[in-house]
Amino acid sequence: MSNIIDGKAFAERLRGDIASRVSKLKAQHQLTPGLAVVLVGEDPASEVYVRNKAKQTVEVGMESVEHKLPADTPEADLLALVDELNKNPDIHGILVQLPLPKHIDEAKVLDSIHYEKDVDGFHLTNVGLLSTGAEGVVPCTPLGSIMMLKDRLGDLSGMNAVVVGRSNIVGKPMANLLLQENCTVTIAHSRTKDLADVCRGADILVAAVGRPEMIPGDWIKPGAAVIDVGINRIERDGKKKLVGDVEFASASGVAGAITPVPGGVGPMTIACLLHNTVQQACRQHKIAMPDA
């Protein structure tokens, strides 16, 4: 379908651009960006995600460092490891895989990562930079989403954008990015009155609530661009499958552009993580990001 936004293909192109930039950094500045990923415990989904991150990091020519710690690792030991990585000049990005075991304070750990090595965009300094329109690091999922919107729609100025979901990871930074593109932005959530009508007014609709197929096609303005951030595992007809927060079957017949699940926003997340790592390496060495 011509209205499908192919996140897998977009991510492949983005990784190609990143590989080109990394090659130029090596040739012109003898700089190889390095990404350290820390995994605490043995969550199967996190282990698969970390493996994919490491694989793609190496494929674009960057250095990949993994630290796998047991689930009972004391918080103090994890903070000590982050401190070591902060001081390591060969590491330009640090990612601590979430969720962490319950005995560890996630906010404390994330804030212990130096903001110049934060590649998730979760450090309070980077959150503040984004909210004020200054240069910082943008969380990967919103960054991938805004890239795909601009690629498909071009200039977003003046468009009505509705973000359903107000999380710190997706909803709030997505709203800030849309504001920077001169959209008129509404953040909707579980307490929003007449949510269906609010959604119907959107030229751009971003669904990020984590509720399977919550938004049906008749909530969508004909021709609107729909970014479905949700990744929900459900069982249907005795089979497990992934679905988004948008009811794709009905929505795809109405939307002018829509991301599928899987194959939409998901593939962009790791690609944007790699982009952020290269960006941070350049900033730490005070050099311009090479052209792709």
C-alpha atoms as a PDB file:
ATOM      1  CA  MET A   1       0.000   0.000   0.000  1.00  0.00           C
ATOM      2  CA  SER A   2       1.351   3.391  -1.019  1.00  0.00           C
ATOM      3  CA  ASN A   3       0.414   4.993   2.277  1.00  0.00           C
ATOM      4  CA  ILE A   4       2.597   2.660   4.386  1.00  0.00           C
ATOM      5  CA  ILE A   5       5.683   4.266   5.940  1.00  0.00           C
ATOM      6  CA  ASP A   6       8.342   1.556   5.753  1.00  0.00           C
ATOM      7  CA  GLY A   7      10.409   2.012   8.903  1.00  0.00           C
ATOM      8  CA  LYS A   8      12.604  -0.977   8.092  1.00  0.00           C
ATOM      9  CA  ALA A   9      13.713   0.502   4.762  1.00  0.00           C
ATOM     10  CA  PHE A  10      14.149   3.981   6.298  1.00  0.00           C
ATOM     11  CA  ALA A  11      16.311   2.548   9.100  1.00  0.00           C
ATOM     12  CA  GLU A  12      18.469   0.741   6.543  1.00  0.00           C
ATOM     13  CA  ARG A  13      19.094   3.999   4.700  1.00  0.00           C
ATOM     14  CA  LEU A  14      19.870   5.775   7.978  1.00  0.00           C
ATOM     15  CA  ARG A  15      22.396   3.094   8.957  1.00  0.00           C
ATOM     16  CA  GLY A  16      24.032   3.577   5.553  1.00  0.00           C
ATOM     17  CA  ASP A  17      24.366   7.300   6.270  1.00  0.00           C
ATOM     18  CA  ILE A  18      25.811   6.550   9.715  1.00  0.00           C
ATOM     19  CA  ALA A  19      28.352   4.113   8.279  1.00  0.00           C
ATOM     20  CA  SER A  20      29.467   6.831   5.828  1.00  0.00           C
ATOM     21  CA  ARG A  21      29.882   9.343   8.658  1.00  0.00           C
ATOM     22  CA  VAL A  22      31.818   6.855  10.804  1.00  0.00           C
ATOM     23  CA  SER A  23      34.152   6.110   7.877  1.00  0.00           C
ATOM     24  CA  LYS A  24      34.876   9.829   7.467  1.00  0.00           C
ATOM     25  CA  LEU A  25      35.481  10.276  11.215  1.00  0.00           C
ATOM     26  CA  LYS A  26      38.029   7.465  11.102  1.00  0.00           C
ATOM     27  CA  ALA A  27      39.770   8.812   8.001  1.00  0.00           C
ATOM     28  CA  GLN A  28      39.748  12.510   8.861  1.00  0.00           C
ATOM     29  CA  HIS A  29      40.020  12.504  12.661  1.00  0.00           C
ATOM     30  CA  GLN A  30      41.185   8.977  13.634  1.00  0.00           C
ATOM     31  CA  LEU A  31      38.022   8.792  15.702  1.00  0.00           C
ATOM     32  CA  THR A  32      35.975   5.609  16.113  1.00  0.00           C
ATOM     33  CA  PRO A  33      32.726   6.200  18.044  1.00  0.00           C
ATOM     34  CA  GLY A  34      32.278   3.730  20.885  1.00  0.00           C
ATOM     35  CA  LEU A  35      28.993   2.582  22.439  1.00  0.00           C
ATOM     36  CA  ALA A  36      28.821   0.771  25.783  1.00  0.00           C
ATOM     37  CA  VAL A  37      25.653  -1.152  26.663  1.00  0.00           C
ATOM     38  CA  VAL A  38      25.034  -2.383  30.203  1.00  0.00           C
ATOM     39  CA  LEU A  39      22.571  -5.208  30.837  1.00  0.00           C
ATOM     40  CA  VAL A  40      21.624  -6.178  34.395  1.00  0.00           C
ATOM     41  CA  GLY A  41      19.835  -9.515  34.790  1.00  0.00           C
ATOM     42  CA  GLU A  42      18.609 -12.030  32.218  1.00  0.00           C
ATOM     43  CA  ASP A  43      15.413 -10.624  30.753  1.00  0.00           C
ATOM     44  CA  PRO A  44      15.022 -12.502  27.411  1.00  0.00           C
ATOM     45  CA  ALA A  45      13.566  -9.529  25.491  1.00  0.00           C
ATOM     46  CA  SER A  46      16.354  -7.240  26.739  1.00  0.00           C
ATOM     47  CA  GLU A  47      19.015  -9.796  25.806  1.00  0.00           C
ATOM     48  CA  VAL A  48      17.721  -9.990  22.217  1.00  0.00           C
ATOM     49  CA  TYR A  49      17.571  -6.187  22.005  1.00  0.00           C
ATOM     50  CA  VAL A  50      21.128  -5.819  23.339  1.00  0.00           C
ATOM     51  CA  ARG A  51      22.425  -8.389  20.831  1.00  0.00           C
ATOM     52  CA  ASN A  52      20.788  -6.475  17.981  1.00  0.00           C
ATOM     53  CA  LYS A  53      22.292  -3.209  19.200  1.00  0.00           C
ATOM     54  CA  ALA A  54      25.788  -4.736  19.344  1.00  0.00           C
ATOM     55  CA  LYS A  55      25.431  -6.289  15.888  1.00  0.00           C
ATOM     56  CA  GLN A  56      24.283  -3.078  14.235  1.00  0.00           C
ATOM     57  CA  THR A  57      26.913  -0.996  16.074  1.00  0.00           C
ATOM     58  CA  VAL A  58      29.691  -3.143  14.619  1.00  0.00           C
ATOM     59  CA  GLU A  59      28.091  -3.204  11.154  1.00  0.00           C
ATOM     60  CA  VAL A  60      28.352   0.595  10.822  1.00  0.00           C
ATOM     61  CA  GLY A  61      32.020   0.519  11.860  1.00  0.00           C
ATOM     62  CA  MET A  62      31.689   1.606  15.487  1.00  0.00           C
ATOM     63  CA  GLU A  63      33.118  -0.015  18.627  1.00  0.00           C
ATOM     64  CA  SER A  64      30.674  -2.035  20.712  1.00  0.00           C
ATOM     65  CA  VAL A  65      31.296  -2.813  24.389  1.00  0.00           C
ATOM     66  CA  GLU A  66      28.910  -4.961  26.436  1.00  0.00           C
ATOM     67  CA  HIS A  67      28.729  -5.351  30.191  1.00  0.00           C
ATOM     68  CA  LYS A  68      26.420  -8.124  31.422  1.00  0.00           C
ATOM     69  CA  LEU A  69      25.829  -8.080  35.167  1.00  0.00           C
ATOM     70  CA  PRO A  70      23.885 -10.549  37.348  1.00  0.00           C
ATOM     71  CA  ALA A  71      20.403  -9.588  38.515  1.00  0.00           C
ATOM     72  CA  ASP A  72      21.561  -9.243  42.150  1.00  0.00           C
ATOM     73  CA  THR A  73      24.245  -6.684  41.304  1.00  0.00           C
ATOM     74  CA  PRO A  74      24.241  -3.974  44.021  1.00  0.00           C
ATOM     75  CA  GLU A  75      23.225  -0.514  42.905  1.00  0.00           C
ATOM     76  CA  ALA A  76      26.602   0.830  44.074  1.00  0.00           C
ATOM     77  CA  ASP A  77      28.443  -1.575  41.739  1.00  0.00           C
ATOM     78  CA  LEU A  78      26.355  -0.482  38.757  1.00  0.00           C
ATOM     79  CA  LEU A  79      26.977   3.186  39.560  1.00  0.00           C
ATOM     80  CA  ALA A  80      30.714   2.455  39.839  1.00  0.00           C
ATOM     81  CA  LEU A  81      30.679   0.851  36.364  1.00  0.00           C
ATOM     82  CA  VAL A  82      28.864   3.864  34.897  1.00  0.00           C
ATOM     83  CA  ASP A  83      31.473   6.129  36.498  1.00  0.00           C
ATOM     84  CA  GLU A  84      34.267   4.110  34.843  1.00  0.00           C
ATOM     85  CA  LEU A  85      32.544   4.408  31.466  1.00  0.00           C
ATOM     86  CA  ASN A  86      32.038   8.148  31.977  1.00  0.00           C
ATOM     87  CA  LYS A  87      35.817   8.500  32.421  1.00  0.00           C
ATOM     88  CA  ASN A  88      36.765   6.229  29.493  1.00  0.00           C
ATOM     89  CA  PRO A  89      37.711   8.439  26.509  1.00  0.00           C
ATOM     90  CA  ASP A  90      37.074   5.597  24.036  1.00  0.00           C
ATOM     91  CA  ILE A  91      33.417   5.351  25.079  1.00  0.00           C
ATOM     92  CA  HIS A  92      31.230   8.100  23.592  1.00  0.00           C
ATOM     93  CA  GLY A  93      27.801   6.675  24.395  1.00  0.00           C
ATOM     94  CA  ILE A  94      26.505   4.779  27.420  1.00  0.00           C
ATOM     95  CA  LEU A  95      23.219   2.920  27.467  1.00  0.00           C
ATOM     96  CA  VAL A  96      21.901   1.104  30.545  1.00  0.00           C
ATOM     97  CA  GLN A  97      19.210  -1.293  29.345  1.00  0.00           C
ATOM     98  CA  LEU A  98      15.833  -0.885  31.035  1.00  0.00           C
ATOM     99  CA  PRO A  99      14.051  -2.222  32.983  1.00  0.00           C
ATOM    100  CA  LEU A 100      16.478  -2.635  35.872  1.00  0.00           C
ATOM    101  CA  PRO A 101      15.914  -4.988  38.836  1.00  0.00           C
ATOM    102  CA  LYS A 102      13.572  -3.525  41.450  1.00  0.00           C
ATOM    103  CA  HIS A 103      16.309  -2.927  44.036  1.00  0.00           C
ATOM    104  CA  ILE A 104      18.027  -0.427  41.715  1.00  0.00           C
ATOM    105  CA  ASP A 105      16.840   3.178  41.362  1.00  0.00           C
ATOM    106  CA  GLU A 106      16.488   3.674  37.580  1.00  0.00           C
ATOM    107  CA  ALA A 107      16.346   7.476  37.788  1.00  0.00           C
ATOM    108  CA  LYS A 108      19.522   7.585  39.874  1.00  0.00           C
ATOM    109  CA  VAL A 109      21.389   5.354  37.421  1.00  0.00           C
ATOM    110  CA  LEU A 110      20.236   7.257  34.325  1.00  0.00           C
ATOM    111  CA  ASP A 111      21.203  10.578  35.889  1.00  0.00           C
ATOM    112  CA  SER A 112      24.663   9.173  36.732  1.00  0.00           C
ATOM    113  CA  ILE A 113      25.462   8.878  33.012  1.00  0.00           C
ATOM    114  CA  HIS A 114      27.249  12.059  31.906  1.00  0.00           C
ATOM    115  CA  TYR A 115      24.835  14.027  29.739  1.00  0.00           C
ATOM    116  CA  GLU A 116      27.415  14.184  26.941  1.00  0.00           C
ATOM    117  CA  LYS A 117      27.503  10.357  26.881  1.00  0.00           C
ATOM    118  CA  ASP A 118      23.757   9.930  27.232  1.00  0.00           C
ATOM    119  CA  VAL A 119      22.512   8.446  23.947  1.00  0.00           C
ATOM    120  CA  ASP A 120      18.952   7.714  25.099  1.00  0.00           C
ATOM    121  CA  GLY A 121      18.139  11.373  25.798  1.00  0.00           C
ATOM    122  CA  PHE A 122      16.927  10.514  29.308  1.00  0.00           C
ATOM    123  CA  HIS A 123      19.389  12.625  31.330  1.00  0.00           C
ATOM    124  CA  LEU A 124      17.681  15.617  32.903  1.00  0.00           C
ATOM    125  CA  THR A 125      20.100  18.006  31.192  1.00  0.00           C
ATOM    126  CA  ASN A 126      19.188  16.629  27.764  1.00  0.00           C
ATOM    127  CA  VAL A 127      15.494  16.669  28.668  1.00  0.00           C
ATOM    128  CA  GLY A 128      15.861  20.350  29.531  1.00  0.00           C
ATOM    129  CA  LEU A 129      17.791  21.121  26.345  1.00  0.00           C
ATOM    130  CA  LEU A 130      15.075  19.513  24.218  1.00  0.00           C
ATOM    131  CA  SER A 131      12.251  21.277  26.039  1.00  0.00           C
ATOM    132  CA  THR A 132      13.878  24.675  25.467  1.00  0.00           C
ATOM    133  CA  GLY A 133      14.735  24.008  21.823  1.00  0.00           C
ATOM    134  CA  ALA A 134      18.488  23.885  22.442  1.00  0.00           C
ATOM    135  CA  GLU A 135      20.928  21.315  21.062  1.00  0.00           C
ATOM    136  CA  GLY A 136      20.897  18.109  23.049  1.00  0.00           C
ATOM    137  CA  VAL A 137      20.196  14.436  22.510  1.00  0.00           C
ATOM    138  CA  VAL A 138      16.714  13.416  21.406  1.00  0.00           C
ATOM    139  CA  PRO A 139      15.222  10.115  22.666  1.00  0.00           C
ATOM    140  CA  CYS A 140      15.513   7.505  19.920  1.00  0.00           C
ATOM    141  CA  THR A 141      11.862   6.637  19.304  1.00  0.00           C
ATOM    142  CA  PRO A 142      10.612  10.242  18.962  1.00  0.00           C
ATOM    143  CA  LEU A 143      13.660  11.072  16.831  1.00  0.00           C
ATOM    144  CA  GLY A 144      12.893   8.217  14.444  1.00  0.00           C
ATOM    145  CA  SER A 145       9.243   9.240  14.334  1.00  0.00           C
ATOM    146  CA  ILE A 146       9.933  12.872  13.442  1.00  0.00           C
ATOM    147  CA  MET A 147      12.457  11.791  10.789  1.00  0.00           C
ATOM    148  CA  MET A 148       9.837   9.629   9.076  1.00  0.00           C
ATOM    149  CA  LEU A 149       7.181  12.346   9.286  1.00  0.00           C
ATOM    150  CA  LYS A 150       9.453  14.967   7.699  1.00  0.00           C
ATOM    151  CA  ASP A 151      10.561  12.519   5.038  1.00  0.00           C
ATOM    152  CA  ARG A 152       6.962  11.742   4.077  1.00  0.00           C
ATOM    153  CA  LEU A 153       5.284  15.129   4.616  1.00  0.00           C
ATOM    154  CA  GLY A 154       8.071  17.673   4.173  1.00  0.00           C
ATOM    155  CA  ASP A 155       7.336  20.925   6.018  1.00  0.00           C
ATOM    156  CA  LEU A 156       5.168  20.253   9.085  1.00  0.00           C
ATOM    157  CA  SER A 157       4.501  23.941   9.854  1.00  0.00           C
ATOM    158  CA  GLY A 158       0.935  24.759  10.827  1.00  0.00           C
ATOM    159  CA  MET A 159      -0.267  21.171  11.061  1.00  0.00           C
ATOM    160  CA  ASN A 160      -2.446  20.043  13.953  1.00  0.00           C
ATOM    161  CA  ALA A 161      -0.601  17.275  15.807  1.00  0.00           C
ATOM    162  CA  VAL A 162      -2.084  15.073  18.517  1.00  0.00           C
ATOM    163  CA  VAL A 163       0.156  12.898  20.689  1.00  0.00           C
ATOM    164  CA  VAL A 164      -1.790  10.254  22.597  1.00  0.00           C
ATOM    165  CA  GLY A 165       0.398   9.428  25.588  1.00  0.00           C
ATOM    166  CA  ARG A 166       2.429  11.602  27.955  1.00  0.00           C
ATOM    167  CA  SER A 167       5.394   9.413  28.929  1.00  0.00           C
ATOM    168  CA  ASN A 168       8.834  10.941  29.478  1.00  0.00           C
ATOM    169  CA  ILE A 169      10.293   8.505  26.946  1.00  0.00           C
ATOM    170  CA  VAL A 170       7.962   9.140  23.995  1.00  0.00           C
ATOM    171  CA  GLY A 171       4.940  11.398  24.545  1.00  0.00           C
ATOM    172  CA  LYS A 172       6.549  14.515  25.997  1.00  0.00           C
ATOM    173  CA  PRO A 173       9.685  14.579  23.800  1.00  0.00           C
ATOM    174  CA  MET A 174       7.545  13.861  20.720  1.00  0.00           C
ATOM    175  CA  ALA A 175       5.383  16.866  21.535  1.00  0.00           C
ATOM    176  CA  ASN A 176       8.490  19.039  21.905  1.00  0.00           C
ATOM    177  CA  LEU A 177       9.838  17.909  18.534  1.00  0.00           C
ATOM    178  CA  LEU A 178       6.524  18.677  16.842  1.00  0.00           C
ATOM    179  CA  LEU A 179       6.485  22.129  18.466  1.00  0.00           C
ATOM    180  CA  GLN A 180       9.962  22.752  17.065  1.00  0.00           C
ATOM    181  CA  GLU A 181       8.545  21.950  13.618  1.00  0.00           C
ATOM    182  CA  ASN A 182       5.885  24.658  14.193  1.00  0.00           C
ATOM    183  CA  CYS A 183       2.963  22.280  14.632  1.00  0.00           C
ATOM    184  CA  THR A 184       0.006  23.088  16.869  1.00  0.00           C
ATOM    185  CA  VAL A 185       0.332  20.305  19.437  1.00  0.00           C
ATOM    186  CA  THR A 186      -2.158  18.617  21.750  1.00  0.00           C
ATOM    187  CA  ILE A 187      -1.065  15.986  24.267  1.00  0.00           C
ATOM    188  CA  ALA A 188      -3.935  13.608  24.992  1.00  0.00           C
ATOM    189  CA  HIS A 189      -4.060  10.904  27.653  1.00  0.00           C
ATOM    190  CA  SER A 190      -6.319   8.693  29.765  1.00  0.00           C
ATOM    191  CA  ARG A 191      -8.086  11.702  31.322  1.00  0.00           C
ATOM    192  CA  THR A 192      -8.755  13.476  28.023  1.00  0.00           C
ATOM    193  CA  LYS A 193     -12.451  14.142  27.409  1.00  0.00           C
ATOM    194  CA  ASP A 194     -13.853  13.154  23.992  1.00  0.00           C
ATOM    195  CA  LEU A 195     -10.570  11.532  22.968  1.00  0.00           C
ATOM    196  CA  ALA A 196     -12.061  10.323  19.690  1.00  0.00           C
ATOM    197  CA  ASP A 197     -12.959  13.887  18.648  1.00  0.00           C
ATOM    198  CA  VAL A 198      -9.522  15.157  19.671  1.00  0.00           C
ATOM    199  CA  CYS A 199      -7.890  12.501  17.476  1.00  0.00           C
ATOM    200  CA  ARG A 200     -10.185  13.305  14.539  1.00  0.00           C
ATOM    201  CA  GLY A 201      -8.804  16.854  14.471  1.00  0.00           C
ATOM    202  CA  ALA A 202      -5.231  15.696  13.912  1.00  0.00           C
ATOM    203  CA  ASP A 203      -3.288  16.123  10.697  1.00  0.00           C
ATOM    204  CA  ILE A 204      -0.573  14.142  12.497  1.00  0.00           C
ATOM    205  CA  LEU A 205      -1.571  11.510  15.055  1.00  0.00           C
ATOM    206  CA  VAL A 206       1.072   9.842  17.246  1.00  0.00           C
ATOM    207  CA  ALA A 207      -0.175   6.880  19.306  1.00  0.00           C
ATOM    208  CA  ALA A 208       2.026   6.015  22.283  1.00  0.00           C
ATOM    209  CA  VAL A 209      -0.139   4.603  25.068  1.00  0.00           C
ATOM    210  CA  GLY A 210       0.671   0.888  25.139  1.00  0.00           C
ATOM    211  CA  ARG A 211      -2.944  -0.278  24.703  1.00  0.00           C
ATOM    212  CA  PRO A 212      -3.533  -2.783  21.879  1.00  0.00           C
ATOM    213  CA  GLU A 213      -5.507  -1.371  18.945  1.00  0.00           C
ATOM    214  CA  MET A 214      -7.029   1.372  21.083  1.00  0.00           C
ATOM    215  CA  ILE A 215      -7.458   3.804  18.181  1.00  0.00           C
ATOM    216  CA  PRO A 216      -9.815   2.623  15.395  1.00  0.00           C
ATOM    217  CA  GLY A 217     -10.014   3.961  11.883  1.00  0.00           C
ATOM    218  CA  ASP A 218     -13.050   6.153  12.562  1.00  0.00           C
ATOM    219  CA  TRP A 219     -10.973   8.196  15.039  1.00  0.00           C
ATOM    220  CA  ILE A 220      -8.639   9.239  12.222  1.00  0.00           C
ATOM    221  CA  LYS A 221      -9.048  12.246   9.959  1.00  0.00           C
ATOM    222  CA  PRO A 222      -9.023  11.182   6.296  1.00  0.00           C
ATOM    223  CA  GLY A 223      -5.547  11.727   4.885  1.00  0.00           C
ATOM    224  CA  ALA A 224      -3.864  12.163   8.284  1.00  0.00           C
ATOM    225  CA  ALA A 225      -0.354  10.851   8.990  1.00  0.00           C
ATOM    226  CA  VAL A 226      -0.373   8.223  11.747  1.00  0.00           C
ATOM    227  CA  ILE A 227       2.715   7.198  13.717  1.00  0.00           C
ATOM    228  CA  ASP A 228       2.015   4.084  15.795  1.00  0.00           C
ATOM    229  CA  VAL A 229       4.615   3.727  18.551  1.00  0.00           C
ATOM    230  CA  GLY A 230       2.814   0.916  20.375  1.00  0.00           C
ATOM    231  CA  ILE A 231       4.273  -2.591  20.472  1.00  0.00           C
ATOM    232  CA  ASN A 232       1.782  -4.922  22.140  1.00  0.00           C
ATOM    233  CA  ARG A 233       1.919  -8.715  22.262  1.00  0.00           C
ATOM    234  CA  ILE A 234      -1.520 -10.274  22.065  1.00  0.00           C
ATOM    235  CA  GLU A 235      -3.004 -13.681  21.359  1.00  0.00           C
ATOM    236  CA  ARG A 236      -5.489 -13.983  18.499  1.00  0.00           C
ATOM    237  CA  ASP A 237      -6.920 -17.177  17.034  1.00  0.00           C
ATOM    238  CA  GLY A 238      -4.549 -19.154  19.207  1.00  0.00           C
ATOM    239  CA  LYS A 239      -1.482 -17.362  17.864  1.00  0.00           C
ATOM    240  CA  LYS A 240       0.696 -14.697  19.439  1.00  0.00           C
ATOM    241  CA  LYS A 241       1.235 -11.570  17.375  1.00  0.00           C
ATOM    242  CA  LEU A 242       2.447  -7.974  17.630  1.00  0.00           C
ATOM    243  CA  VAL A 243      -0.011  -5.127  17.207  1.00  0.00           C
ATOM    244  CA  GLY A 244       0.199  -1.396  17.702  1.00  0.00           C
ATOM    245  CA  ASP A 245      -1.946   1.098  19.579  1.00  0.00           C
ATOM    246  CA  VAL A 246      -3.812   1.747  16.308  1.00  0.00           C
ATOM    247  CA  GLU A 247      -6.223  -0.715  14.719  1.00  0.00           C
ATOM    248  CA  PHE A 248      -4.225  -1.048  11.517  1.00  0.00           C
ATOM    249  CA  ALA A 249      -6.834  -2.782   9.357  1.00  0.00           C
ATOM    250  CA  SER A 250      -9.361   0.033   9.679  1.00  0.00           C
ATOM    251  CA  ALA A 251      -6.876   2.901  10.045  1.00  0.00           C
ATOM    252  CA  SER A 252      -4.828   2.089   6.949  1.00  0.00           C
ATOM    253  CA  GLY A 253      -7.881   2.648   4.754  1.00  0.00           C
ATOM    254  CA  VAL A 254      -8.305   6.181   6.084  1.00  0.00           C
ATOM    255  CA  ALA A 255      -4.818   7.520   6.808  1.00  0.00           C
ATOM    256  CA  GLY A 256      -2.762   9.269   4.184  1.00  0.00           C
ATOM    257  CA  ALA A 257       0.376   7.751   5.713  1.00  0.00           C
ATOM    258  CA  ILE A 258       0.749   5.177   8.494  1.00  0.00           C
ATOM    259  CA  THR A 259       3.472   3.143  10.191  1.00  0.00           C
ATOM    260  CA  PRO A 260       2.770  -0.586  10.559  1.00  0.00           C
ATOM    261  CA  VAL A 261       3.540  -2.747  13.605  1.00  0.00           C
ATOM    262  CA  PRO A 262       5.944  -4.433  13.275  1.00  0.00           C
ATOM    263  CA  GLY A 263       8.124  -2.740  10.679  1.00  0.00           C
ATOM    264  CA  GLY A 264       7.361   0.900  11.410  1.00  0.00           C
ATOM    265  CA  VAL A 265       8.828   2.854  14.317  1.00  0.00           C
ATOM    266  CA  GLY A 266      10.592  -0.152  15.887  1.00  0.00           C
ATOM    267  CA  PRO A 267      13.470  -0.531  13.392  1.00  0.00           C
ATOM    268  CA  MET A 268      14.218   3.189  13.680  1.00  0.00           C
ATOM    269  CA  THR A 269      14.984   3.023  17.400  1.00  0.00           C
ATOM    270  CA  ILE A 270      18.366   1.276  17.145  1.00  0.00           C
ATOM    271  CA  ALA A 271      19.311   3.252  14.027  1.00  0.00           C
ATOM    272  CA  CYS A 272      18.680   6.495  15.946  1.00  0.00           C
ATOM    273  CA  LEU A 273      20.695   5.160  18.886  1.00  0.00           C
ATOM    274  CA  LEU A 274      23.655   4.779  16.521  1.00  0.00           C
ATOM    275  CA  HIS A 275      23.020   8.285  15.153  1.00  0.00           C
ATOM    276  CA  ASN A 276      23.031   9.697  18.687  1.00  0.00           C
ATOM    277  CA  THR A 277      26.306   7.926  19.507  1.00  0.00           C
ATOM    278  CA  VAL A 278      28.044   9.444  16.472  1.00  0.00           C
ATOM    279  CA  GLN A 279      26.584  12.840  17.362  1.00  0.00           C
ATOM    280  CA  GLN A 280      27.889  12.607  20.940  1.00  0.00           C
ATOM    281  CA  ALA A 281      31.345  11.501  19.753  1.00  0.00           C
ATOM    282  CA  CYS A 282      31.538  14.583  17.537  1.00  0.00           C
ATOM    283  CA  ARG A 283      30.414  16.880  20.339  1.00  0.00           C
ATOM    284  CA  GLN A 284      32.923  15.437  22.814  1.00  0.00           C
ATOM    285  CA  HIS A 285      35.736  16.033  20.322  1.00  0.00           C
ATOM    286  CA  LYS A 286      34.300  19.400  19.252  1.00  0.00           C
ATOM    287  CA  ILE A 287      34.127  18.512  15.575  1.00  0.00           C
ATOM    288  CA  ALA A 288      31.260  18.867  13.102  1.00  0.00           C
ATOM    289  CA  MET A 289      29.193  15.831  12.181  1.00  0.00           C
ATOM    290  CA  PRO A 290      30.475  14.704   8.753  1.00  0.00           C
ATOM    291  CA  ASP A 291      28.065  14.764   5.818  1.00  0.00           C
ATOM    292  CA  ALA A 292      26.651  11.409   4.810  1.00  0.00           C
END
